[in-house]
């Protein structure tokens, strides 16, 4: 029995390794698993018998690649993976992607039926004590999201209609790089071939055209970090005003009291960087801190703080 369990655990580990990257040399797999190359060959055969399409790569340093199968084979999951997969469909049923709600619930029901009792208990506890907050907002169709993801994967140029903030639709061409989930929205990051620059597109405003364009050579993402690029881009679009205020108080005293970046200057002062779209509201936030301060920029914030002070003094 011990030998069977060892083999099953090794198959699970082998499958996990094959999913980590496209190609593996036989010797590398053997080294990671701590077995001989011939054992790897036998284990690959076992995976194939279970329905996993593991392809061989020829040559002296030949290896293996996990391909896409025509049917879903039996899954090999450890306890933590099983819980993660079972809990995952719950938020998907009411999230920002449309068209997958019913499928998510069906998948959840099937997974719960085959989970061992100890794991059903963990999943049940997570579901019973997790309270989602119903929010409204734009959603993206699951089919559109899948098509965008496939174009990113296959490095195929996208042709699509794009609805701008003013409601007008324009025809766009882009080399898609990644999909980024930010808040309750999905964004496509790609190289706009007509503007010759990186752009961020809201996925719910994209209408893919058929067929896709030609394949392209991948580009290095902006700054090497797609998520940081989207955060910077959206931050500047949504909150166009940046203010810098020197506060006469230690940073640890103000941390968590205001939505901004607080950086220590010395033991008795710190620098507050705020972003927003309303100088009056930003003035109220600064005044609310109840500490001495000096506005470094912009000048308009000084005017709003001065006006706020005058209005308050006349009402005391």
Protein backbone atom coordinates (compact mmCIF):
# COMPACT_ATOMS: atom_id res chain seq x y z
CA UNK A 1 0.00 0.00 0.00
CA UNK A 2 2.87 2.38 0.83
CA UNK A 3 4.31 1.94 -2.66
CA UNK A 4 0.96 2.79 -4.25
CA UNK A 5 0.64 5.94 -2.15
CA UNK A 6 4.20 6.98 -3.02
CA UNK A 7 3.47 6.51 -6.71
CA UNK A 8 0.24 8.52 -6.49
CA UNK A 9 2.00 11.35 -4.65
CA UNK A 10 4.77 11.34 -7.27
CA UNK A 11 2.20 11.48 -10.10
CA UNK A 12 0.60 14.48 -8.46
CA UNK A 13 3.99 16.17 -8.16
CA UNK A 14 4.86 15.32 -11.77
CA UNK A 15 1.57 16.76 -13.00
CA UNK A 16 2.17 19.94 -11.01
CA UNK A 17 5.63 20.33 -12.52
CA UNK A 18 4.32 19.83 -16.06
CA UNK A 19 1.82 22.62 -15.44
CA UNK A 20 4.49 25.05 -14.24
CA UNK A 21 6.16 25.64 -17.61
CA UNK A 22 5.71 24.46 -21.22
CA UNK A 23 8.73 22.16 -21.62
CA UNK A 24 10.69 19.93 -19.27
CA UNK A 25 13.82 17.91 -19.96
CA UNK A 26 13.56 14.33 -18.71
CA UNK A 27 16.67 14.74 -16.57
CA UNK A 28 15.27 17.89 -14.93
CA UNK A 29 12.03 16.14 -14.04
CA UNK A 30 13.93 13.19 -12.64
CA UNK A 31 16.08 15.53 -10.54
CA UNK A 32 13.05 17.41 -9.17
CA UNK A 33 11.25 14.17 -8.31
CA UNK A 34 14.33 12.40 -6.96
CA UNK A 35 13.92 9.38 -9.24
CA UNK A 36 15.58 7.87 -12.30
CA UNK A 37 14.73 8.98 -15.84
CA UNK A 38 13.14 5.60 -16.56
CA UNK A 39 10.78 6.14 -13.60
CA UNK A 40 9.74 9.46 -15.09
CA UNK A 41 9.05 7.64 -18.35
CA UNK A 42 6.82 5.12 -16.56
CA UNK A 43 4.98 7.87 -14.66
CA UNK A 44 4.34 9.75 -17.87
CA UNK A 45 2.78 6.58 -19.23
CA UNK A 46 0.51 6.39 -16.17
CA UNK A 47 -0.61 10.00 -16.69
CA UNK A 48 -1.40 9.23 -20.33
CA UNK A 49 -3.48 6.25 -19.27
CA UNK A 50 -5.50 8.59 -17.04
CA UNK A 51 -6.22 10.82 -20.02
CA UNK A 52 -3.57 13.52 -19.64
CA UNK A 53 -2.07 14.44 -23.06
CA UNK A 54 1.65 14.44 -22.21
CA UNK A 55 3.66 14.92 -25.40
CA UNK A 56 7.28 13.79 -25.86
CA UNK A 57 9.92 16.08 -27.33
CA UNK A 58 12.59 14.27 -29.37
CA UNK A 59 16.35 14.67 -29.20
CA UNK A 60 19.26 13.82 -26.94
CA UNK A 61 17.91 16.13 -24.25
CA UNK A 62 14.31 15.18 -24.99
CA UNK A 63 11.57 15.80 -22.50
CA UNK A 64 7.87 16.31 -22.06
CA UNK A 65 5.14 18.87 -22.55
CA UNK A 66 1.59 18.86 -21.18
CA UNK A 67 -0.80 19.47 -24.06
CA UNK A 68 -4.45 20.42 -24.24
CA UNK A 69 -6.80 17.44 -24.08
CA UNK A 70 -10.04 16.78 -25.92
CA UNK A 71 -11.71 15.72 -22.65
CA UNK A 72 -11.23 16.50 -18.99
CA UNK A 73 -9.27 13.67 -17.34
CA UNK A 74 -9.47 12.77 -13.66
CA UNK A 75 -8.00 15.51 -11.48
CA UNK A 76 -5.22 14.94 -8.99
CA UNK A 77 -5.48 17.57 -6.26
CA UNK A 78 -3.97 17.83 -2.81
CA UNK A 79 -6.14 19.03 0.10
CA UNK A 80 -5.33 22.75 -0.22
CA UNK A 81 -5.81 22.69 -3.99
CA UNK A 82 -9.17 20.94 -3.62
CA UNK A 83 -10.42 23.54 -1.14
CA UNK A 84 -9.22 26.40 -3.34
CA UNK A 85 -10.99 24.95 -6.40
CA UNK A 86 -14.19 24.32 -4.45
CA UNK A 87 -14.33 27.81 -2.94
CA UNK A 88 -13.37 29.56 -6.18
CA UNK A 89 -16.74 29.27 -7.98
CA UNK A 90 -18.58 30.97 -5.11
CA UNK A 91 -17.50 34.59 -5.86
CA UNK A 92 -17.59 33.84 -9.59
CA UNK A 93 -21.34 33.30 -9.37
CA UNK A 94 -21.87 36.96 -8.51
CA UNK A 95 -18.73 38.66 -9.74
CA UNK A 96 -17.74 40.95 -12.57
CA UNK A 97 -17.93 38.33 -15.35
CA UNK A 98 -21.32 37.56 -16.89
CA UNK A 99 -22.33 34.26 -18.40
CA UNK A 100 -20.60 31.99 -15.87
CA UNK A 101 -22.94 32.25 -12.87
CA UNK A 102 -24.91 29.05 -13.53
CA UNK A 103 -21.81 27.16 -14.69
CA UNK A 104 -19.97 28.17 -11.51
CA UNK A 105 -22.76 26.88 -9.29
CA UNK A 106 -22.99 23.59 -11.22
CA UNK A 107 -19.24 23.11 -10.91
CA UNK A 108 -19.38 23.85 -7.19
CA UNK A 109 -22.14 21.28 -6.66
CA UNK A 110 -20.17 18.58 -8.51
CA UNK A 111 -16.96 19.30 -6.62
CA UNK A 112 -18.67 19.19 -3.23
CA UNK A 113 -20.11 15.76 -4.03
CA UNK A 114 -16.66 14.21 -4.44
CA UNK A 115 -14.82 16.01 -1.65
CA UNK A 116 -13.85 13.90 1.38
CA UNK A 117 -15.74 14.72 4.58
CA UNK A 118 -12.77 16.53 6.13
CA UNK A 119 -12.55 18.87 3.13
CA UNK A 120 -16.31 19.42 2.88
CA UNK A 121 -16.13 20.65 6.46
CA UNK A 122 -13.43 23.21 5.57
CA UNK A 123 -15.26 24.39 2.46
CA UNK A 124 -18.55 24.61 4.36
CA UNK A 125 -16.95 26.74 7.07
CA UNK A 126 -15.53 29.14 4.50
CA UNK A 127 -18.85 29.47 2.70
CA UNK A 128 -20.92 29.84 5.89
CA UNK A 129 -18.76 32.61 7.32
CA UNK A 130 -17.96 34.53 4.14
CA UNK A 131 -20.38 37.37 3.44
CA UNK A 132 -20.16 38.93 -0.04
CA UNK A 133 -21.21 42.56 -0.48
CA UNK A 134 -23.53 43.05 -3.41
CA UNK A 135 -22.19 45.81 -5.63
CA UNK A 136 -23.20 47.16 -9.00
CA UNK A 137 -20.95 48.03 -11.86
CA UNK A 138 -19.99 47.12 -15.40
CA UNK A 139 -19.48 43.46 -16.18
CA UNK A 140 -17.69 41.73 -19.04
CA UNK A 141 -19.07 38.79 -20.99
CA UNK A 142 -17.26 35.53 -20.27
CA UNK A 143 -16.92 34.79 -24.00
CA UNK A 144 -15.27 38.16 -24.63
CA UNK A 145 -12.89 37.63 -21.73
CA UNK A 146 -11.97 34.17 -23.05
CA UNK A 147 -11.32 35.52 -26.55
CA UNK A 148 -9.10 38.29 -25.21
CA UNK A 149 -7.16 35.82 -23.06
CA UNK A 150 -6.71 33.46 -26.04
CA UNK A 151 -5.36 36.31 -28.18
CA UNK A 152 -2.87 37.17 -25.41
CA UNK A 153 -1.80 33.54 -25.21
CA UNK A 154 -1.53 33.01 -28.96
CA UNK A 155 0.06 36.42 -29.61
CA UNK A 156 -2.48 37.30 -32.27
CA UNK A 157 -3.25 40.90 -33.11
CA UNK A 158 -6.73 41.97 -32.02
CA UNK A 159 -9.20 43.94 -34.11
CA UNK A 160 -12.04 45.35 -32.03
CA UNK A 161 -14.59 48.08 -31.63
CA UNK A 162 -13.99 50.17 -28.52
CA UNK A 163 -16.56 52.37 -26.80
CA UNK A 164 -14.92 55.47 -25.32
CA UNK A 165 -15.99 57.55 -22.32
CA UNK A 166 -18.09 59.73 -24.62
CA UNK A 167 -20.01 56.73 -25.97
CA UNK A 168 -18.46 56.84 -29.42
CA UNK A 169 -17.20 53.59 -30.94
CA UNK A 170 -13.83 53.53 -32.71
CA UNK A 171 -12.04 50.72 -34.51
CA UNK A 172 -8.82 49.68 -32.81
CA UNK A 173 -5.91 47.33 -33.46
CA UNK A 174 -3.64 46.12 -30.67
CA UNK A 175 -1.10 43.48 -29.78
CA UNK A 176 -2.65 42.11 -26.56
CA UNK A 177 -0.33 41.37 -23.67
CA UNK A 178 -2.34 40.69 -20.50
CA UNK A 179 -5.70 40.90 -18.79
CA UNK A 180 -5.66 42.68 -15.42
CA UNK A 181 -8.44 42.56 -12.82
CA UNK A 182 -8.55 45.86 -10.90
CA UNK A 183 -11.40 46.48 -8.48
CA UNK A 184 -14.56 45.12 -10.12
CA UNK A 185 -13.35 45.74 -13.65
CA UNK A 186 -11.22 43.89 -16.18
CA UNK A 187 -8.65 45.69 -18.32
CA UNK A 188 -6.79 44.60 -21.44
CA UNK A 189 -3.22 45.86 -21.72
CA UNK A 190 -1.81 45.93 -25.22
CA UNK A 191 0.38 47.75 -27.73
CA UNK A 192 -1.86 49.98 -29.85
CA UNK A 193 -0.45 49.61 -33.37
CA UNK A 194 -1.97 52.87 -34.64
CA UNK A 195 -0.89 55.01 -31.68
CA UNK A 196 2.45 53.20 -31.40
CA UNK A 197 2.20 53.05 -27.62
CA UNK A 198 0.93 50.94 -24.73
CA UNK A 199 -2.75 51.37 -23.92
CA UNK A 200 -5.24 50.12 -21.34
CA UNK A 201 -8.75 49.14 -22.51
CA UNK A 202 -11.74 48.34 -20.35
CA UNK A 203 -12.72 44.81 -21.32
CA UNK A 204 -16.47 45.51 -20.97
CA UNK A 205 -16.12 48.13 -23.73
CA UNK A 206 -14.31 45.82 -26.17
CA UNK A 207 -16.17 44.20 -29.08
CA UNK A 208 -13.76 41.72 -30.74
CA UNK A 209 -13.87 41.44 -34.51
CA UNK A 210 -13.43 38.15 -36.38
CA UNK A 211 -10.95 36.88 -37.33
CA UNK A 212 -7.94 38.02 -35.32
CA UNK A 213 -5.04 39.66 -37.09
CA UNK A 214 -1.56 38.25 -37.73
CA UNK A 215 0.73 36.85 -35.03
CA UNK A 216 3.32 39.19 -33.51
CA UNK A 217 6.57 39.01 -31.58
CA UNK A 218 5.99 39.75 -27.86
CA UNK A 219 7.12 43.08 -26.45
CA UNK A 220 8.55 43.79 -23.03
CA UNK A 221 5.67 45.15 -20.88
CA UNK A 222 5.89 48.78 -19.73
CA UNK A 223 8.23 49.04 -16.79
CA UNK A 224 8.41 45.24 -16.70
CA UNK A 225 5.27 45.11 -14.53
CA UNK A 226 1.84 45.10 -16.18
CA UNK A 227 -0.11 45.39 -12.91
CA UNK A 228 1.90 48.43 -11.80
CA UNK A 229 1.39 50.01 -15.23
CA UNK A 230 -2.40 49.62 -14.98
CA UNK A 231 -2.42 50.97 -11.43
CA UNK A 232 -0.41 54.04 -12.44
CA UNK A 233 -2.47 54.64 -15.58
CA UNK A 234 -5.85 54.29 -13.88
CA UNK A 235 -4.71 56.22 -10.85
CA UNK A 236 -3.88 59.24 -12.98
CA UNK A 237 -7.06 58.92 -15.04
CA UNK A 238 -9.42 58.57 -12.08
CA UNK A 239 -7.61 60.95 -9.70
CA UNK A 240 -5.98 63.68 -11.82
CA UNK A 241 -4.99 66.00 -8.94
CA UNK A 242 -1.92 65.27 -6.84
CA UNK A 243 -1.25 67.17 -3.63
CA UNK A 244 1.81 67.12 -1.38
CA UNK A 245 1.50 68.35 2.21
CA UNK A 246 4.16 68.51 4.92
CA UNK A 247 2.58 67.45 8.22
CA UNK A 248 4.05 68.43 11.60
CA UNK A 249 3.50 65.04 13.18
CA UNK A 250 5.31 61.68 13.17
CA UNK A 251 4.30 59.30 10.38
CA UNK A 252 3.22 56.52 12.75
CA UNK A 253 0.67 58.84 14.33
CA UNK A 254 -1.10 59.43 11.00
CA UNK A 255 -0.73 56.02 9.38
CA UNK A 256 -4.17 54.59 8.58
CA UNK A 257 -6.02 57.86 9.31
CA UNK A 258 -6.12 59.11 5.74
CA UNK A 259 -6.28 57.60 2.25
CA UNK A 260 -2.89 58.68 0.97
CA UNK A 261 0.80 57.91 1.08
CA UNK A 262 2.49 58.96 4.32
CA UNK A 263 6.30 59.05 4.28
CA UNK A 264 8.42 60.00 7.31
CA UNK A 265 10.67 63.06 6.95
CA UNK A 266 12.09 63.00 10.50
CA UNK A 267 10.88 62.06 13.98
CA UNK A 268 8.47 65.00 14.13
CA UNK A 269 7.17 65.38 10.58
CA UNK A 270 6.06 63.44 7.51
CA UNK A 271 5.10 63.98 3.88
CA UNK A 272 1.53 63.26 2.77
CA UNK A 273 0.82 62.61 -0.93
CA UNK A 274 -2.86 62.69 -1.88
CA UNK A 275 -4.63 62.02 -5.17
CA UNK A 276 -8.18 63.06 -5.97
CA UNK A 277 -10.47 64.94 -8.32
CA UNK A 278 -11.90 67.55 -5.90
CA UNK A 279 -9.65 70.10 -4.20
CA UNK A 280 -12.35 71.07 -1.70
CA UNK A 281 -12.73 67.48 -0.51
CA UNK A 282 -8.95 67.12 -0.29
CA UNK A 283 -8.84 70.31 1.84
CA UNK A 284 -11.40 68.83 4.23
CA UNK A 285 -9.32 65.64 4.52
CA UNK A 286 -6.19 67.60 5.42
CA UNK A 287 -8.03 69.78 7.95
CA UNK A 288 -9.60 66.70 9.52
CA UNK A 289 -6.15 65.47 10.59
CA UNK A 290 -5.94 68.30 13.16
CA UNK A 291 -2.17 68.80 12.89
CA UNK A 292 -0.05 71.73 11.74
CA UNK A 293 0.83 71.50 8.07
CA UNK A 294 2.38 73.25 5.08
CA UNK A 295 0.95 72.80 1.59
CA UNK A 296 3.76 72.19 -0.87
CA UNK A 297 1.54 71.80 -3.94
CA UNK A 298 -0.77 72.63 -5.63
CA UNK A 299 -1.50 76.30 -4.95
CA UNK A 300 -5.23 75.65 -5.41
CA UNK A 301 -5.26 73.49 -2.29
CA UNK A 302 -4.05 76.47 -0.23
CA UNK A 303 -6.95 78.55 -1.55
CA UNK A 304 -9.50 75.88 -0.65
CA UNK A 305 -8.05 75.45 2.85
CA UNK A 306 -8.12 79.21 3.38
CA UNK A 307 -11.73 79.39 2.19
CA UNK A 308 -12.68 76.44 4.39
CA UNK A 309 -11.12 78.13 7.42
CA UNK A 310 -13.00 81.37 6.77
CA UNK A 311 -16.32 79.56 6.36
CA UNK A 312 -15.85 77.61 9.57
CA UNK A 313 -14.84 80.68 11.57
CA UNK A 314 -18.05 82.50 10.62
CA UNK A 315 -20.17 79.60 11.90
CA UNK A 316 -18.64 79.21 15.34
